[in-house]
Amino acid sequence: MSNMVSGNTVAEVARLIGDVARANILSALMGGQALTAGELAHRAGVTPQTTSGHLARLAEAELVKVEKQGRHRYYRLASAEVAQALHALMTVAAGGPKRHRPIGPRDAALRLARTCYDHMAGRLAVALADSLCTNGHVLIADGAGLVTDTGRRLFCDFGLALDDVVIGRRPLCRTCLDWSERRPHLAGRLGGALLERALDLGWVHRATDSRALRLSPAGERGFSSAFGLPAGWRDPPVA
């Protein structure tokens, strides 16, 4: 069977994503959590009836999947590959013409720390990746990552036994180009495990109405102590 995808198929997927309401729905699901149709309608700014139609089309195209729990139906992105495609589009869009609008508090929170499907993104995640590379715990090149022996010991001390972190056939460590910082953060099974561990420790908390992650005082101290983040990691890069 040929692996080639026709131009018509690519155009159809692009057309589905290209609708503003559907793009907002998919963007909301980039937080990695399963959401109801009502929650997605609120995020997309459209009526529940319109949202149901959009979700049906996205599910038919296998861009989202539905999970049923009792009388409730929850939606999430269909796969990590869908999340990667959306992240790439966000990166391209962020590099487009400037919109000449001030960065509001919500944007500032997203730039500091947010979820990118199942891992962390934003200034915190980029600082974490930078520190791990600087200290020789992770080596990254061309989008791929390698955890060194010292890195495995570090993550073990942090409560992550990497040999037990198995999620399908995904690579242990890869990178995403962070759309707000324009530098890489960690993804793959390692990136997902780091987010889950940080949530378990209470170092970060999910915001209720966005992909933002709130950094707790314990997290501020913990990330700096465990991973050697520099004192000025919160500061935006100098243009």
Protein backbone atom coordinates (compact mmCIF):
# COMPACT_ATOMS: atom_id res chain seq x y z
CA MET A 1 0.00 0.00 0.00
CA SER A 2 1.36 3.40 -0.94
CA ASN A 3 2.08 5.89 1.85
CA MET A 4 1.62 8.83 -0.51
CA VAL A 5 -1.21 11.19 0.44
CA SER A 6 -3.07 12.98 -2.33
CA GLY A 7 -3.21 16.73 -2.60
CA ASN A 8 -6.99 16.54 -2.25
CA THR A 9 -6.67 14.77 1.10
CA VAL A 10 -4.16 17.34 2.40
CA ALA A 11 -6.39 20.17 1.19
CA GLU A 12 -9.44 18.67 2.93
CA VAL A 13 -7.64 18.43 6.27
CA ALA A 14 -6.33 21.98 5.83
CA ARG A 15 -9.85 23.20 5.01
CA LEU A 16 -11.23 21.62 8.17
CA ILE A 17 -8.55 23.20 10.35
CA GLY A 18 -8.83 26.50 8.48
CA ASP A 19 -12.28 27.35 9.85
CA VAL A 20 -11.88 29.82 12.75
CA ALA A 21 -14.26 28.03 15.12
CA ARG A 22 -12.72 24.62 14.42
CA ALA A 23 -9.22 26.09 14.82
CA ASN A 24 -10.26 27.45 18.23
CA ILE A 25 -11.68 24.05 19.21
CA LEU A 26 -8.46 22.28 18.22
CA SER A 27 -6.36 24.92 19.96
CA ALA A 28 -8.34 24.40 23.19
CA LEU A 29 -7.68 20.66 22.97
CA MET A 30 -3.94 21.34 22.68
CA GLY A 31 -4.05 21.63 26.47
CA GLY A 32 -4.10 17.82 26.55
CA GLN A 33 -7.30 17.55 28.59
CA ALA A 34 -10.54 16.01 27.36
CA LEU A 35 -13.29 18.66 27.18
CA THR A 36 -17.06 18.53 26.72
CA ALA A 37 -18.86 20.06 23.76
CA GLY A 38 -20.17 22.79 26.06
CA GLU A 39 -16.69 23.68 27.24
CA LEU A 40 -15.44 23.75 23.66
CA ALA A 41 -18.37 25.93 22.58
CA HIS A 42 -17.35 28.46 25.24
CA ARG A 43 -13.70 28.37 24.11
CA ALA A 44 -14.65 28.70 20.43
CA GLY A 45 -17.22 31.44 21.00
CA VAL A 46 -19.99 29.68 19.06
CA THR A 47 -23.30 28.05 19.97
CA PRO A 48 -23.48 24.46 21.25
CA GLN A 49 -25.37 23.43 18.12
CA THR A 50 -22.66 24.84 15.86
CA THR A 51 -19.99 23.20 18.00
CA SER A 52 -21.65 19.80 17.67
CA GLY A 53 -21.53 20.10 13.89
CA HIS A 54 -17.87 21.08 13.94
CA LEU A 55 -16.98 18.22 16.29
CA ALA A 56 -18.76 15.70 14.08
CA ARG A 57 -16.69 16.80 11.09
CA LEU A 58 -13.45 16.77 13.06
CA ALA A 59 -14.20 13.30 14.41
CA GLU A 60 -15.05 12.01 10.93
CA ALA A 61 -11.66 13.27 9.72
CA GLU A 62 -10.00 11.57 12.74
CA LEU A 63 -8.65 14.85 14.06
CA VAL A 64 -10.48 14.39 17.36
CA LYS A 65 -11.80 11.35 19.18
CA VAL A 66 -14.73 10.95 21.55
CA GLU A 67 -14.65 9.28 24.96
CA LYS A 68 -17.94 8.37 26.66
CA GLN A 69 -18.32 8.25 30.44
CA GLY A 70 -21.88 7.51 31.43
CA ARG A 71 -24.10 10.18 29.92
CA HIS A 72 -21.17 12.47 29.18
CA ARG A 73 -19.06 12.72 26.03
CA TYR A 74 -15.54 14.12 26.12
CA TYR A 75 -13.40 15.18 23.19
CA ARG A 76 -9.63 15.15 22.82
CA LEU A 77 -7.12 15.30 19.98
CA ALA A 78 -6.97 12.00 18.13
CA SER A 79 -3.20 11.55 18.35
CA ALA A 80 0.17 13.08 19.11
CA GLU A 81 0.65 13.51 15.35
CA VAL A 82 -2.39 15.81 15.19
CA ALA A 83 -0.95 17.82 18.08
CA GLN A 84 2.41 18.09 16.30
CA ALA A 85 0.72 19.36 13.13
CA LEU A 86 -1.23 21.99 15.08
CA HIS A 87 1.89 23.08 16.95
CA ALA A 88 3.72 23.51 13.64
CA LEU A 89 0.89 25.69 12.34
CA MET A 90 1.00 27.79 15.52
CA THR A 91 4.73 28.28 15.07
CA VAL A 92 4.25 29.40 11.46
CA ALA A 93 1.38 31.72 12.45
CA ALA A 94 3.44 33.26 15.26
CA GLY A 95 6.14 34.14 12.73
CA GLY A 96 3.72 35.96 10.45
CA PRO A 97 3.00 39.70 10.23
CA LYS A 98 2.72 41.52 13.53
CA ARG A 99 -0.84 42.23 14.66
CA HIS A 100 0.13 45.43 16.50
CA ARG A 101 -1.74 44.51 19.66
CA PRO A 102 -0.48 44.72 23.26
CA ILE A 103 0.25 41.50 25.09
CA GLY A 104 -2.46 41.13 27.73
CA PRO A 105 -2.24 39.29 31.07
CA ARG A 106 -3.65 36.10 29.54
CA ASP A 107 -1.01 36.11 26.83
CA ALA A 108 1.69 36.76 29.43
CA ALA A 109 0.55 33.72 31.42
CA LEU A 110 0.64 31.52 28.32
CA ARG A 111 4.10 32.73 27.41
CA LEU A 112 5.41 31.95 30.89
CA ALA A 113 4.11 28.37 31.12
CA ARG A 114 1.43 26.38 29.31
CA THR A 115 0.60 22.90 28.14
CA CYS A 116 1.49 21.81 24.62
CA TYR A 117 -0.68 18.69 24.27
CA ASP A 118 0.90 16.44 26.94
CA HIS A 119 4.06 18.39 27.85
CA MET A 120 5.12 21.84 29.05
CA ALA A 121 5.82 24.84 26.84
CA GLY A 122 6.59 28.50 27.31
CA ARG A 123 9.47 30.28 29.01
CA LEU A 124 9.59 27.73 31.86
CA ALA A 125 9.89 24.75 29.51
CA VAL A 126 12.52 26.44 27.34
CA ALA A 127 14.58 27.36 30.43
CA LEU A 128 14.29 23.75 31.61
CA ALA A 129 15.50 22.42 28.25
CA ASP A 130 18.35 24.95 28.16
CA SER A 131 19.53 24.00 31.65
CA LEU A 132 19.35 20.25 30.97
CA CYS A 133 21.43 20.70 27.81
CA THR A 134 23.94 23.08 29.40
CA ASN A 135 24.57 20.63 32.23
CA GLY A 136 24.94 17.65 29.90
CA HIS A 137 21.81 15.81 31.00
CA VAL A 138 20.16 15.94 27.57
CA LEU A 139 21.66 16.31 24.10
CA ILE A 140 19.44 17.68 21.34
CA ALA A 141 19.98 18.05 17.60
CA ASP A 142 17.67 18.24 14.58
CA GLY A 143 14.55 17.81 16.68
CA ALA A 144 15.76 14.64 18.42
CA GLY A 145 16.89 14.29 22.02
CA LEU A 146 19.20 11.90 23.85
CA VAL A 147 19.15 11.47 27.64
CA THR A 148 22.69 10.93 28.95
CA ASP A 149 23.66 8.69 31.86
CA THR A 150 23.86 11.70 34.18
CA GLY A 151 20.44 12.75 32.92
CA ARG A 152 18.95 9.35 33.74
CA ARG A 153 20.30 9.63 37.27
CA LEU A 154 18.90 13.16 37.59
CA PHE A 155 15.46 12.10 36.40
CA CYS A 156 15.54 9.04 38.65
CA ASP A 157 16.23 11.32 41.64
CA PHE A 158 13.29 13.45 40.46
CA GLY A 159 11.03 10.40 40.58
CA LEU A 160 11.10 9.38 36.92
CA ALA A 161 12.34 5.90 36.02
CA LEU A 162 12.66 6.47 32.30
CA ASP A 163 12.62 2.78 31.39
CA ASP A 164 9.12 2.63 32.87
CA VAL A 165 7.88 5.69 30.95
CA VAL A 166 6.28 3.86 28.03
CA ILE A 167 3.49 5.43 25.98
CA GLY A 168 2.93 3.66 22.68
CA ARG A 169 5.73 3.98 20.15
CA ARG A 170 6.58 7.59 20.82
CA PRO A 171 10.27 8.51 21.16
CA LEU A 172 11.63 8.98 24.65
CA CYS A 173 12.87 12.50 23.97
CA ARG A 174 12.31 14.92 21.12
CA THR A 175 11.92 18.67 20.85
CA CYS A 176 9.23 21.13 19.81
CA LEU A 177 10.08 24.60 18.57
CA ASP A 178 8.29 26.77 21.12
CA TRP A 179 6.02 29.13 19.17
CA SER A 180 6.32 31.99 21.69
CA GLU A 181 10.01 31.67 22.58
CA ARG A 182 11.27 30.43 19.16
CA ARG A 183 13.57 27.97 20.93
CA PRO A 184 13.08 24.27 21.68
CA HIS A 185 11.36 22.71 24.62
CA LEU A 186 11.23 18.98 25.46
CA ALA A 187 8.48 16.70 24.20
CA GLY A 188 8.16 12.94 23.70
CA ARG A 189 7.63 10.54 26.60
CA LEU A 190 10.12 12.48 28.73
CA GLY A 191 8.30 15.78 28.22
CA GLY A 192 4.98 14.17 29.14
CA ALA A 193 6.44 12.53 32.25
CA LEU A 194 8.00 15.82 33.42
CA LEU A 195 4.62 17.57 33.18
CA GLU A 196 2.81 14.80 35.07
CA ARG A 197 5.45 14.77 37.81
CA ALA A 198 5.32 18.57 38.17
CA LEU A 199 1.51 18.39 38.47
CA ASP A 200 1.73 15.60 41.05
CA LEU A 201 4.20 17.63 43.12
CA GLY A 202 1.99 20.72 42.95
CA TRP A 203 4.76 22.68 41.24
CA VAL A 204 2.36 23.73 38.49
CA HIS A 205 -1.44 23.83 38.32
CA ARG A 206 -3.66 23.89 35.25
CA ALA A 207 -5.67 27.05 34.65
CA THR A 208 -9.40 26.43 34.42
CA ASP A 209 -10.11 28.27 31.18
CA SER A 210 -6.91 28.18 29.13
CA ARG A 211 -3.77 26.17 28.42
CA ALA A 212 -1.80 28.27 30.93
CA LEU A 213 0.02 26.58 33.80
CA ARG A 214 0.26 28.44 37.12
CA LEU A 215 3.66 28.10 38.75
CA SER A 216 3.41 27.64 42.53
CA PRO A 217 5.97 28.97 45.05
CA ALA A 218 7.02 25.35 45.62
CA GLY A 219 7.50 24.98 41.88
CA GLU A 220 9.52 28.18 41.67
CA ARG A 221 11.91 26.77 44.26
CA GLY A 222 11.72 23.18 43.03
CA PHE A 223 12.53 23.74 39.37
CA SER A 224 15.46 26.00 40.28
CA SER A 225 16.83 23.54 42.81
CA ALA A 226 16.28 20.29 40.90
CA PHE A 227 17.26 21.51 37.44
CA GLY A 228 19.47 24.54 38.07
CA LEU A 229 17.35 27.15 36.31
CA PRO A 230 19.13 30.52 36.14
CA ALA A 231 17.84 33.33 38.34
CA GLY A 232 16.58 35.39 35.38
CA TRP A 233 14.75 32.63 33.51
CA ARG A 234 11.44 34.47 33.79
CA ASP A 235 12.77 37.50 31.95
CA PRO A 236 11.83 37.76 28.25
CA PRO A 237 14.76 37.51 25.84
CA VAL A 238 16.38 40.79 24.84
CA ALA A 239 15.43 41.73 21.26
